[in-house]
Amino acid sequence: MSIDQIEPDDFLRQMEEGILHEALLIDVREPYEWEYYHLEGIQLMPMNSIPAKLEELPKEKPIYVVCAHGVRSMHVSYYLMQQGFEHVVNVEGGMAALAQLRGFQYD
């Protein structure tokens, strides 16, 4: 099973252009990481909370998953696909890459 991926610059561009307005954008980092840096329009949903929230997630919408560096989000993306979600996209490089593109030093 292969996971769709999106480059961080493409993700930011699509967010800014409103292309992703109907997609669900989730950040699977922990709350303390979220407080340090996050992007508006992305919903915090820590990795460990995902199994309990499966019923709340829309299967008909694309789901874009981001974390700190792209590792946890890859695991969550794979898990969601195993649970029957068909359009799941991992944001490569995670928040570190997105922050760098925005001129913020994340690490």
PDB file of N, CA and C in Angstrom:
ATOM      1  N   MET A   1       0.849  -1.173   0.000  1.00  0.00           N
ATOM      2  CA  MET A   1       0.000   0.000   0.000  1.00  0.00           C
ATOM      3  C   MET A   1       0.894   1.236   0.000  1.00  0.00           C
ATOM      4  N   SER A   2       0.744   2.056  -1.018  1.00  0.00           N
ATOM      5  CA  SER A   2       1.589   3.253  -1.075  1.00  0.00           C
ATOM      6  C   SER A   2       0.802   4.470  -0.603  1.00  0.00           C
ATOM      7  N   ILE A   3       1.490   5.347   0.070  1.00  0.00           N
ATOM      8  CA  ILE A   3       0.897   6.564   0.622  1.00  0.00           C
ATOM      9  C   ILE A   3       1.209   7.725  -0.311  1.00  0.00           C
ATOM     10  N   ASP A   4       0.187   8.498  -0.654  1.00  0.00           N
ATOM     11  CA  ASP A   4       0.418   9.707  -1.434  1.00  0.00           C
ATOM     12  C   ASP A   4       1.189  10.703  -0.569  1.00  0.00           C
ATOM     13  N   GLN A   5       2.068  11.459  -1.206  1.00  0.00           N
ATOM     14  CA  GLN A   5       2.860  12.456  -0.502  1.00  0.00           C
ATOM     15  C   GLN A   5       2.778  13.776  -1.251  1.00  0.00           C
ATOM     16  N   ILE A   6       2.974  14.852  -0.509  1.00  0.00           N
ATOM     17  CA  ILE A   6       3.009  16.170  -1.119  1.00  0.00           C
ATOM     18  C   ILE A   6       4.214  16.912  -0.570  1.00  0.00           C
ATOM     19  N   GLU A   7       4.913  17.597  -1.458  1.00  0.00           N
ATOM     20  CA  GLU A   7       6.065  18.409  -1.058  1.00  0.00           C
ATOM     21  C   GLU A   7       5.561  19.600  -0.234  1.00  0.00           C
ATOM     22  N   PRO A   8       6.345  20.057   0.741  1.00  0.00           N
ATOM     23  CA  PRO A   8       5.891  21.153   1.596  1.00  0.00           C
ATOM     24  C   PRO A   8       5.560  22.438   0.842  1.00  0.00           C
ATOM     25  N   ASP A   9       6.333  22.770  -0.182  1.00  0.00           N
ATOM     26  CA  ASP A   9       6.039  23.994  -0.927  1.00  0.00           C
ATOM     27  C   ASP A   9       4.720  23.875  -1.699  1.00  0.00           C
ATOM     28  N   ASP A  10       4.436  22.693  -2.244  1.00  0.00           N
ATOM     29  CA  ASP A  10       3.162  22.481  -2.932  1.00  0.00           C
ATOM     30  C   ASP A  10       1.994  22.547  -1.950  1.00  0.00           C
ATOM     31  N   PHE A  11       2.200  21.975  -0.768  1.00  0.00           N
ATOM     32  CA  PHE A  11       1.160  22.000   0.262  1.00  0.00           C
ATOM     33  C   PHE A  11       0.834  23.443   0.658  1.00  0.00           C
ATOM     34  N   LEU A  12       1.858  24.245   0.948  1.00  0.00           N
ATOM     35  CA  LEU A  12       1.627  25.646   1.318  1.00  0.00           C
ATOM     36  C   LEU A  12       0.951  26.420   0.194  1.00  0.00           C
ATOM     37  N   ARG A  13       1.401  26.211  -1.017  1.00  0.00           N
ATOM     38  CA  ARG A  13       0.802  26.902  -2.158  1.00  0.00           C
ATOM     39  C   ARG A  13      -0.672  26.540  -2.292  1.00  0.00           C
ATOM     40  N   GLN A  14      -0.972  25.255  -2.186  1.00  0.00           N
ATOM     41  CA  GLN A  14      -2.357  24.818  -2.318  1.00  0.00           C
ATOM     42  C   GLN A  14      -3.220  25.339  -1.166  1.00  0.00           C
ATOM     43  N   MET A  15      -2.643  25.415   0.032  1.00  0.00           N
ATOM     44  CA  MET A  15      -3.376  26.008   1.161  1.00  0.00           C
ATOM     45  C   MET A  15      -3.691  27.475   0.877  1.00  0.00           C
ATOM     46  N   GLU A  16      -2.670  28.208   0.454  1.00  0.00           N
ATOM     47  CA  GLU A  16      -2.823  29.646   0.220  1.00  0.00           C
ATOM     48  C   GLU A  16      -3.780  29.942  -0.924  1.00  0.00           C
ATOM     49  N   GLU A  17      -3.820  29.063  -1.924  1.00  0.00           N
ATOM     50  CA  GLU A  17      -4.698  29.262  -3.079  1.00  0.00           C
ATOM     51  C   GLU A  17      -6.118  28.747  -2.829  1.00  0.00           C
ATOM     52  N   GLY A  18      -6.349  28.153  -1.648  1.00  0.00           N
ATOM     53  CA  GLY A  18      -7.678  27.647  -1.317  1.00  0.00           C
ATOM     54  C   GLY A  18      -8.024  26.314  -1.940  1.00  0.00           C
ATOM     55  N   ILE A  19      -7.046  25.678  -2.553  1.00  0.00           N
ATOM     56  CA  ILE A  19      -7.282  24.388  -3.212  1.00  0.00           C
ATOM     57  C   ILE A  19      -7.656  23.309  -2.195  1.00  0.00           C
ATOM     58  N   LEU A  20      -7.142  23.440  -0.966  1.00  0.00           N
ATOM     59  CA  LEU A  20      -7.367  22.420   0.055  1.00  0.00           C
ATOM     60  C   LEU A  20      -8.530  22.759   0.987  1.00  0.00           C
ATOM     61  N   HIS A  21      -9.337  23.754   0.642  1.00  0.00           N
ATOM     62  CA  HIS A  21     -10.380  24.210   1.568  1.00  0.00           C
ATOM     63  C   HIS A  21     -11.413  23.141   1.903  1.00  0.00           C
ATOM     64  N   GLU A  22     -11.594  22.159   1.058  1.00  0.00           N
ATOM     65  CA  GLU A  22     -12.553  21.089   1.357  1.00  0.00           C
ATOM     66  C   GLU A  22     -11.886  19.868   1.974  1.00  0.00           C
ATOM     67  N   ALA A  23     -10.576  19.866   2.062  1.00  0.00           N
ATOM     68  CA  ALA A  23      -9.856  18.741   2.662  1.00  0.00           C
ATOM     69  C   ALA A  23      -9.771  18.930   4.176  1.00  0.00           C
ATOM     70  N   LEU A  24      -9.546  17.833   4.889  1.00  0.00           N
ATOM     71  CA  LEU A  24      -9.275  17.896   6.316  1.00  0.00           C
ATOM     72  C   LEU A  24      -7.761  17.901   6.489  1.00  0.00           C
ATOM     73  N   LEU A  25      -7.246  18.913   7.161  1.00  0.00           N
ATOM     74  CA  LEU A  25      -5.811  19.039   7.405  1.00  0.00           C
ATOM     75  C   LEU A  25      -5.573  18.786   8.879  1.00  0.00           C
ATOM     76  N   ILE A  26      -4.830  17.716   9.188  1.00  0.00           N
ATOM     77  CA  ILE A  26      -4.592  17.392  10.596  1.00  0.00           C
ATOM     78  C   ILE A  26      -3.107  17.384  10.922  1.00  0.00           C
ATOM     79  N   ASP A  27      -2.815  17.851  12.122  1.00  0.00           N
ATOM     80  CA  ASP A  27      -1.463  17.894  12.672  1.00  0.00           C
ATOM     81  C   ASP A  27      -1.434  16.885  13.806  1.00  0.00           C
ATOM     82  N   VAL A  28      -0.604  15.855  13.675  1.00  0.00           N
ATOM     83  CA  VAL A  28      -0.605  14.758  14.640  1.00  0.00           C
ATOM     84  C   VAL A  28       0.473  14.906  15.719  1.00  0.00           C
ATOM     85  N   ARG A  29       1.028  16.111  15.840  1.00  0.00           N
ATOM     86  CA  ARG A  29       2.010  16.354  16.897  1.00  0.00           C
ATOM     87  C   ARG A  29       1.303  16.488  18.245  1.00  0.00           C
ATOM     88  N   GLU A  30       2.097  16.609  19.291  1.00  0.00           N
ATOM     89  CA  GLU A  30       1.585  16.797  20.636  1.00  0.00           C
ATOM     90  C   GLU A  30       1.252  18.275  20.875  1.00  0.00           C
ATOM     91  N   PRO A  31       0.374  18.569  21.838  1.00  0.00           N
ATOM     92  CA  PRO A  31      -0.012  19.961  22.101  1.00  0.00           C
ATOM     93  C   PRO A  31       1.156  20.913  22.339  1.00  0.00           C
ATOM     94  N   TYR A  32       2.203  20.471  23.045  1.00  0.00           N
ATOM     95  CA  TYR A  32       3.337  21.368  23.294  1.00  0.00           C
ATOM     96  C   TYR A  32       4.069  21.714  21.991  1.00  0.00           C
ATOM     97  N   GLU A  33       4.078  20.798  21.036  1.00  0.00           N
ATOM     98  CA  GLU A  33       4.689  21.081  19.736  1.00  0.00           C
ATOM     99  C   GLU A  33       3.820  22.064  18.953  1.00  0.00           C
ATOM    100  N   TRP A  34       2.522  21.879  19.047  1.00  0.00           N
ATOM    101  CA  TRP A  34       1.544  22.744  18.389  1.00  0.00           C
ATOM    102  C   TRP A  34       1.689  24.177  18.894  1.00  0.00           C
ATOM    103  N   GLU A  35       1.838  24.324  20.213  1.00  0.00           N
ATOM    104  CA  GLU A  35       1.968  25.655  20.811  1.00  0.00           C
ATOM    105  C   GLU A  35       3.220  26.375  20.303  1.00  0.00           C
ATOM    106  N   TYR A  36       4.269  25.618  20.061  1.00  0.00           N
ATOM    107  CA  TYR A  36       5.521  26.209  19.598  1.00  0.00           C
ATOM    108  C   TYR A  36       5.368  26.819  18.210  1.00  0.00           C
ATOM    109  N   TYR A  37       4.717  26.071  17.306  1.00  0.00           N
ATOM    110  CA  TYR A  37       4.518  26.565  15.936  1.00  0.00           C
ATOM    111  C   TYR A  37       3.427  25.744  15.273  1.00  0.00           C
ATOM    112  N   HIS A  38       2.483  26.428  14.635  1.00  0.00           N
ATOM    113  CA  HIS A  38       1.473  25.739  13.827  1.00  0.00           C
ATOM    114  C   HIS A  38       0.953  26.697  12.768  1.00  0.00           C
ATOM    115  N   LEU A  39       0.256  26.141  11.824  1.00  0.00           N
ATOM    116  CA  LEU A  39      -0.340  26.923  10.748  1.00  0.00           C
ATOM    117  C   LEU A  39      -1.851  26.989  10.944  1.00  0.00           C
ATOM    118  N   GLU A  40      -2.416  28.151  10.700  1.00  0.00           N
ATOM    119  CA  GLU A  40      -3.871  28.297  10.772  1.00  0.00           C
ATOM    120  C   GLU A  40      -4.511  27.421   9.697  1.00  0.00           C
ATOM    121  N   GLY A  41      -5.626  26.832  10.050  1.00  0.00           N
ATOM    122  CA  GLY A  41      -6.345  25.993   9.095  1.00  0.00           C
ATOM    123  C   GLY A  41      -6.040  24.512   9.233  1.00  0.00           C
ATOM    124  N   ILE A  42      -5.090  24.187  10.105  1.00  0.00           N
ATOM    125  CA  ILE A  42      -4.758  22.788  10.352  1.00  0.00           C
ATOM    126  C   ILE A  42      -5.236  22.450  11.757  1.00  0.00           C
ATOM    127  N   GLN A  43      -5.927  21.328  11.885  1.00  0.00           N
ATOM    128  CA  GLN A  43      -6.514  20.911  13.156  1.00  0.00           C
ATOM    129  C   GLN A  43      -5.553  20.012  13.926  1.00  0.00           C
ATOM    130  N   LEU A  44      -5.355  20.311  15.206  1.00  0.00           N
ATOM    131  CA  LEU A  44      -4.519  19.463  16.062  1.00  0.00           C
ATOM    132  C   LEU A  44      -5.268  18.184  16.407  1.00  0.00           C
ATOM    133  N   MET A  45      -4.629  17.050  16.143  1.00  0.00           N
ATOM    134  CA  MET A  45      -5.185  15.746  16.469  1.00  0.00           C
ATOM    135  C   MET A  45      -3.995  14.818  16.759  1.00  0.00           C
ATOM    136  N   PRO A  46      -3.482  14.842  18.003  1.00  0.00           N
ATOM    137  CA  PRO A  46      -2.299  14.050  18.319  1.00  0.00           C
ATOM    138  C   PRO A  46      -2.413  12.592  17.864  1.00  0.00           C
ATOM    139  N   MET A  47      -1.292  12.056  17.458  1.00  0.00           N
ATOM    140  CA  MET A  47      -1.221  10.708  16.898  1.00  0.00           C
ATOM    141  C   MET A  47      -1.970   9.676  17.739  1.00  0.00           C
ATOM    142  N   ASN A  48      -1.756   9.698  19.040  1.00  0.00           N
ATOM    143  CA  ASN A  48      -2.370   8.691  19.908  1.00  0.00           C
ATOM    144  C   ASN A  48      -3.881   8.834  20.019  1.00  0.00           C
ATOM    145  N   SER A  49      -4.428   9.965  19.600  1.00  0.00           N
ATOM    146  CA  SER A  49      -5.878  10.166  19.681  1.00  0.00           C
ATOM    147  C   SER A  49      -6.610   9.679  18.428  1.00  0.00           C
ATOM    148  N   ILE A  50      -5.875   9.383  17.377  1.00  0.00           N
ATOM    149  CA  ILE A  50      -6.489   9.032  16.094  1.00  0.00           C
ATOM    150  C   ILE A  50      -7.427   7.814  16.186  1.00  0.00           C
ATOM    151  N   PRO A  51      -7.008   6.698  16.801  1.00  0.00           N
ATOM    152  CA  PRO A  51      -7.923   5.548  16.839  1.00  0.00           C
ATOM    153  C   PRO A  51      -9.288   5.872  17.458  1.00  0.00           C
ATOM    154  N   ALA A  52      -9.311   6.679  18.485  1.00  0.00           N
ATOM    155  CA  ALA A  52     -10.573   7.027  19.143  1.00  0.00           C
ATOM    156  C   ALA A  52     -11.406   8.008  18.321  1.00  0.00           C
ATOM    157  N   LYS A  53     -10.796   8.676  17.349  1.00  0.00           N
ATOM    158  CA  LYS A  53     -11.497   9.692  16.560  1.00  0.00           C
ATOM    159  C   LYS A  53     -11.859   9.219  15.153  1.00  0.00           C
ATOM    160  N   LEU A  54     -11.639   7.959  14.854  1.00  0.00           N
ATOM    161  CA  LEU A  54     -11.893   7.458  13.499  1.00  0.00           C
ATOM    162  C   LEU A  54     -13.312   7.757  13.016  1.00  0.00           C
ATOM    163  N   GLU A  55     -14.284   7.610  13.891  1.00  0.00           N
ATOM    164  CA  GLU A  55     -15.678   7.839  13.506  1.00  0.00           C
ATOM    165  C   GLU A  55     -15.943   9.304  13.155  1.00  0.00           C
ATOM    166  N   GLU A  56     -15.121  10.219  13.671  1.00  0.00           N
ATOM    167  CA  GLU A  56     -15.290  11.649  13.413  1.00  0.00           C
ATOM    168  C   GLU A  56     -14.654  12.086  12.099  1.00  0.00           C
ATOM    169  N   LEU A  57     -13.773  11.266  11.563  1.00  0.00           N
ATOM    170  CA  LEU A  57     -13.043  11.637  10.351  1.00  0.00           C
ATOM    171  C   LEU A  57     -13.864  11.323   9.105  1.00  0.00           C
ATOM    172  N   PRO A  58     -13.908  12.258   8.163  1.00  0.00           N
ATOM    173  CA  PRO A  58     -14.704  12.058   6.950  1.00  0.00           C
ATOM    174  C   PRO A  58     -13.990  11.164   5.931  1.00  0.00           C
ATOM    175  N   LYS A  59     -14.642  10.097   5.554  1.00  0.00           N
ATOM    176  CA  LYS A  59     -14.048   9.211   4.546  1.00  0.00           C
ATOM    177  C   LYS A  59     -14.200   9.765   3.140  1.00  0.00           C
ATOM    178  N   GLU A  60     -15.115  10.718   2.957  1.00  0.00           N
ATOM    179  CA  GLU A  60     -15.367  11.257   1.622  1.00  0.00           C
ATOM    180  C   GLU A  60     -14.452  12.425   1.258  1.00  0.00           C
ATOM    181  N   LYS A  61     -13.691  12.935   2.231  1.00  0.00           N
ATOM    182  CA  LYS A  61     -12.806  14.075   1.979  1.00  0.00           C
ATOM    183  C   LYS A  61     -11.348  13.623   1.975  1.00  0.00           C
ATOM    184  N   PRO A  62     -10.510  14.334   1.226  1.00  0.00           N
ATOM    185  CA  PRO A  62      -9.070  14.076   1.343  1.00  0.00           C
ATOM    186  C   PRO A  62      -8.596  14.492   2.737  1.00  0.00           C
ATOM    187  N   ILE A  63      -7.664  13.744   3.282  1.00  0.00           N
ATOM    188  CA  ILE A  63      -7.084  14.059   4.585  1.00  0.00           C
ATOM    189  C   ILE A  63      -5.581  14.240   4.385  1.00  0.00           C
ATOM    190  N   TYR A  64      -5.088  15.419   4.748  1.00  0.00           N
ATOM    191  CA  TYR A  64      -3.658  15.721   4.686  1.00  0.00           C
ATOM    192  C   TYR A  64      -3.121  15.657   6.103  1.00  0.00           C
ATOM    193  N   VAL A  65      -2.021  14.932   6.279  1.00  0.00           N
ATOM    194  CA  VAL A  65      -1.482  14.684   7.616  1.00  0.00           C
ATOM    195  C   VAL A  65      -0.082  15.281   7.712  1.00  0.00           C
ATOM    196  N   VAL A  66       0.145  16.060   8.778  1.00  0.00           N
ATOM    197  CA  VAL A  66       1.446  16.685   9.012  1.00  0.00           C
ATOM    198  C   VAL A  66       1.879  16.409  10.453  1.00  0.00           C
ATOM    199  N   CYS A  67       3.177  16.331  10.664  1.00  0.00           N
ATOM    200  CA  CYS A  67       3.743  16.200  12.012  1.00  0.00           C
ATOM    201  C   CYS A  67       4.992  17.078  12.053  1.00  0.00           C
ATOM    202  N   ALA A  68       5.949  16.736  12.884  1.00  0.00           N
ATOM    203  CA  ALA A  68       7.152  17.565  13.011  1.00  0.00           C
ATOM    204  C   ALA A  68       8.077  17.425  11.804  1.00  0.00           C
ATOM    205  N   HIS A  69       8.364  16.186  11.405  1.00  0.00           N
ATOM    206  CA  HIS A  69       9.331  15.951  10.330  1.00  0.00           C
ATOM    207  C   HIS A  69       8.841  14.984   9.248  1.00  0.00           C
ATOM    208  N   GLY A  70       7.614  14.486   9.375  1.00  0.00           N
ATOM    209  CA  GLY A  70       7.056  13.603   8.356  1.00  0.00           C
ATOM    210  C   GLY A  70       7.057  12.129   8.701  1.00  0.00           C
ATOM    211  N   VAL A  71       7.554  11.765   9.884  1.00  0.00           N
ATOM    212  CA  VAL A  71       7.608  10.351  10.261  1.00  0.00           C
ATOM    213  C   VAL A  71       6.290   9.903  10.893  1.00  0.00           C
ATOM    214  N   ARG A  72       5.856  10.597  11.938  1.00  0.00           N
ATOM    215  CA  ARG A  72       4.577  10.240  12.577  1.00  0.00           C
ATOM    216  C   ARG A  72       3.428  10.361  11.590  1.00  0.00           C
ATOM    217  N   SER A  73       3.461  11.392  10.768  1.00  0.00           N
ATOM    218  CA  SER A  73       2.374  11.582   9.801  1.00  0.00           C
ATOM    219  C   SER A  73       2.335  10.439   8.791  1.00  0.00           C
ATOM    220  N   MET A  74       3.480   9.893   8.454  1.00  0.00           N
ATOM    221  CA  MET A  74       3.517   8.743   7.544  1.00  0.00           C
ATOM    222  C   MET A  74       2.856   7.528   8.214  1.00  0.00           C
ATOM    223  N   HIS A  75       3.152   7.317   9.495  1.00  0.00           N
ATOM    224  CA  HIS A  75       2.534   6.203  10.225  1.00  0.00           C
ATOM    225  C   HIS A  75       1.019   6.391  10.314  1.00  0.00           C
ATOM    226  N   VAL A  76       0.570   7.604  10.619  1.00  0.00           N
ATOM    227  CA  VAL A  76      -0.861   7.880  10.715  1.00  0.00           C
ATOM    228  C   VAL A  76      -1.519   7.722   9.347  1.00  0.00           C
ATOM    229  N   SER A  77      -0.875   8.191   8.304  1.00  0.00           N
ATOM    230  CA  SER A  77      -1.420   8.051   6.954  1.00  0.00           C
ATOM    231  C   SER A  77      -1.622   6.579   6.605  1.00  0.00           C
ATOM    232  N   TYR A  78      -0.636   5.773   6.906  1.00  0.00           N
ATOM    233  CA  TYR A  78      -0.714   4.338   6.640  1.00  0.00           C
ATOM    234  C   TYR A  78      -1.858   3.711   7.448  1.00  0.00           C
ATOM    235  N   TYR A  79      -1.948   4.077   8.721  1.00  0.00           N
ATOM    236  CA  TYR A  79      -3.001   3.562   9.594  1.00  0.00           C
ATOM    237  C   TYR A  79      -4.379   3.933   9.040  1.00  0.00           C
ATOM    238  N   LEU A  80      -4.552   5.188   8.644  1.00  0.00           N
ATOM    239  CA  LEU A  80      -5.842   5.622   8.106  1.00  0.00           C
ATOM    240  C   LEU A  80      -6.212   4.849   6.846  1.00  0.00           C
ATOM    241  N   MET A  81      -5.248   4.598   6.005  1.00  0.00           N
ATOM    242  CA  MET A  81      -5.519   3.824   4.787  1.00  0.00           C
ATOM    243  C   MET A  81      -5.932   2.390   5.149  1.00  0.00           C
ATOM    244  N   GLN A  82      -5.301   1.821   6.175  1.00  0.00           N
ATOM    245  CA  GLN A  82      -5.685   0.483   6.634  1.00  0.00           C
ATOM    246  C   GLN A  82      -7.124   0.468   7.166  1.00  0.00           C
ATOM    247  N   GLN A  83      -7.578   1.601   7.656  1.00  0.00           N
ATOM    248  CA  GLN A  83      -8.925   1.711   8.218  1.00  0.00           C
ATOM    249  C   GLN A  83      -9.976   2.075   7.163  1.00  0.00           C
ATOM    250  N   GLY A  84      -9.575   2.128   5.902  1.00  0.00           N
ATOM    251  CA  GLY A  84     -10.525   2.343   4.827  1.00  0.00           C
ATOM    252  C   GLY A  84     -10.601   3.760   4.278  1.00  0.00           C
ATOM    253  N   PHE A  85      -9.747   4.643   4.746  1.00  0.00           N
ATOM    254  CA  PHE A  85      -9.706   5.996   4.192  1.00  0.00           C
ATOM    255  C   PHE A  85      -8.903   5.927   2.890  1.00  0.00           C
ATOM    256  N   GLU A  86      -9.490   6.425   1.811  1.00  0.00           N
ATOM    257  CA  GLU A  86      -8.883   6.235   0.502  1.00  0.00           C
ATOM    258  C   GLU A  86      -7.979   7.364   0.056  1.00  0.00           C
ATOM    259  N   HIS A  87      -8.278   8.590   0.450  1.00  0.00           N
ATOM    260  CA  HIS A  87      -7.477   9.719  -0.023  1.00  0.00           C
ATOM    261  C   HIS A  87      -6.757  10.374   1.155  1.00  0.00           C
ATOM    262  N   VAL A  88      -5.606   9.798   1.491  1.00  0.00           N
ATOM    263  CA  VAL A  88      -4.782  10.295   2.592  1.00  0.00           C
ATOM    264  C   VAL A  88      -3.451  10.733   1.999  1.00  0.00           C
ATOM    265  N   VAL A  89      -3.002  11.920   2.395  1.00  0.00           N
ATOM    266  CA  VAL A  89      -1.767  12.475   1.848  1.00  0.00           C
ATOM    267  C   VAL A  89      -0.847  12.890   2.998  1.00  0.00           C
ATOM    268  N   ASN A  90       0.383  12.421   2.963  1.00  0.00           N
ATOM    269  CA  ASN A  90       1.398  12.793   3.946  1.00  0.00           C
ATOM    270  C   ASN A  90       2.147  14.039   3.457  1.00  0.00           C
ATOM    271  N   VAL A  91       2.327  14.996   4.361  1.00  0.00           N
ATOM    272  CA  VAL A  91       3.087  16.203   4.027  1.00  0.00           C
ATOM    273  C   VAL A  91       4.556  15.923   4.323  1.00  0.00           C
ATOM    274  N   GLU A  92       5.355  15.817   3.277  1.00  0.00           N
ATOM    275  CA  GLU A  92       6.777  15.487   3.427  1.00  0.00           C
ATOM    276  C   GLU A  92       7.519  16.574   4.198  1.00  0.00           C
ATOM    277  N   GLY A  93       8.421  16.137   5.069  1.00  0.00           N
ATOM    278  CA  GLY A  93       9.253  17.078   5.825  1.00  0.00           C
ATOM    279  C   GLY A  93       8.567  17.696   7.017  1.00  0.00           C
ATOM    280  N   GLY A  94       7.262  17.546   7.099  1.00  0.00           N
ATOM    281  CA  GLY A  94       6.494  18.011   8.241  1.00  0.00           C
ATOM    282  C   GLY A  94       6.577  19.504   8.515  1.00  0.00           C
ATOM    283  N   MET A  95       6.254  19.837   9.747  1.00  0.00           N
ATOM    284  CA  MET A  95       6.199  21.230  10.152  1.00  0.00           C
ATOM    285  C   MET A  95       7.571  21.898  10.082  1.00  0.00           C
ATOM    286  N   ALA A  96       8.633  21.137  10.248  1.00  0.00           N
ATOM    287  CA  ALA A  96       9.980  21.714  10.136  1.00  0.00           C
ATOM    288  C   ALA A  96      10.190  22.294   8.737  1.00  0.00           C
ATOM    289  N   ALA A  97       9.788  21.554   7.718  1.00  0.00           N
ATOM    290  CA  ALA A  97       9.943  22.028   6.335  1.00  0.00           C
ATOM    291  C   ALA A  97       8.996  23.187   6.049  1.00  0.00           C
ATOM    292  N   LEU A  98       7.761  23.097   6.547  1.00  0.00           N
ATOM    293  CA  LEU A  98       6.793  24.171   6.325  1.00  0.00           C
ATOM    294  C   LEU A  98       7.240  25.458   7.012  1.00  0.00           C
ATOM    295  N   ALA A  99       7.740  25.328   8.241  1.00  0.00           N
ATOM    296  CA  ALA A  99       8.207  26.501   8.985  1.00  0.00           C
ATOM    297  C   ALA A  99       9.382  27.163   8.274  1.00  0.00           C
ATOM    298  N   GLN A 100      10.293  26.352   7.766  1.00  0.00           N
ATOM    299  CA  GLN A 100      11.454  26.888   7.070  1.00  0.00           C
ATOM    300  C   GLN A 100      11.024  27.684   5.838  1.00  0.00           C
ATOM    301  N   LEU A 101      10.034  27.178   5.124  1.00  0.00           N
ATOM    302  CA  LEU A 101       9.532  27.900   3.952  1.00  0.00           C
ATOM    303  C   LEU A 101       8.899  29.238   4.335  1.00  0.00           C
ATOM    304  N   ARG A 102       8.393  29.301   5.540  1.00  0.00           N
ATOM    305  CA  ARG A 102       7.784  30.532   6.049  1.00  0.00           C
ATOM    306  C   ARG A 102       8.798  31.425   6.770  1.00  0.00           C
ATOM    307  N   GLY A 103      10.078  30.995   6.803  1.00  0.00           N
ATOM    308  CA  GLY A 103      11.114  31.804   7.426  1.00  0.00           C
ATOM    309  C   GLY A 103      11.189  31.677   8.934  1.00  0.00           C
ATOM    310  N   PHE A 104      10.644  30.585   9.482  1.00  0.00           N
ATOM    311  CA  PHE A 104      10.672  30.342  10.917  1.00  0.00           C
ATOM    312  C   PHE A 104      11.568  29.140  11.184  1.00  0.00           C
ATOM    313  N   GLN A 105      12.498  29.268  12.104  1.00  0.00           N
ATOM    314  CA  GLN A 105      13.385  28.148  12.444  1.00  0.00           C
ATOM    315  C   GLN A 105      12.677  27.250  13.439  1.00  0.00           C
ATOM    316  N   TYR A 106      12.236  26.097  12.998  1.00  0.00           N
ATOM    317  CA  TYR A 106      11.448  25.160  13.832  1.00  0.00           C
ATOM    318  C   TYR A 106      12.318  24.354  14.764  1.00  0.00           C
ATOM    319  N   ASP A 107      13.424  23.847  14.264  1.00  0.00           N
ATOM    320  CA  ASP A 107      14.251  22.915  15.071  1.00  0.00           C
ATOM    321  C   ASP A 107      14.974  23.604  16.193  1.00  0.00           C
TER     322      ASP A 107
END
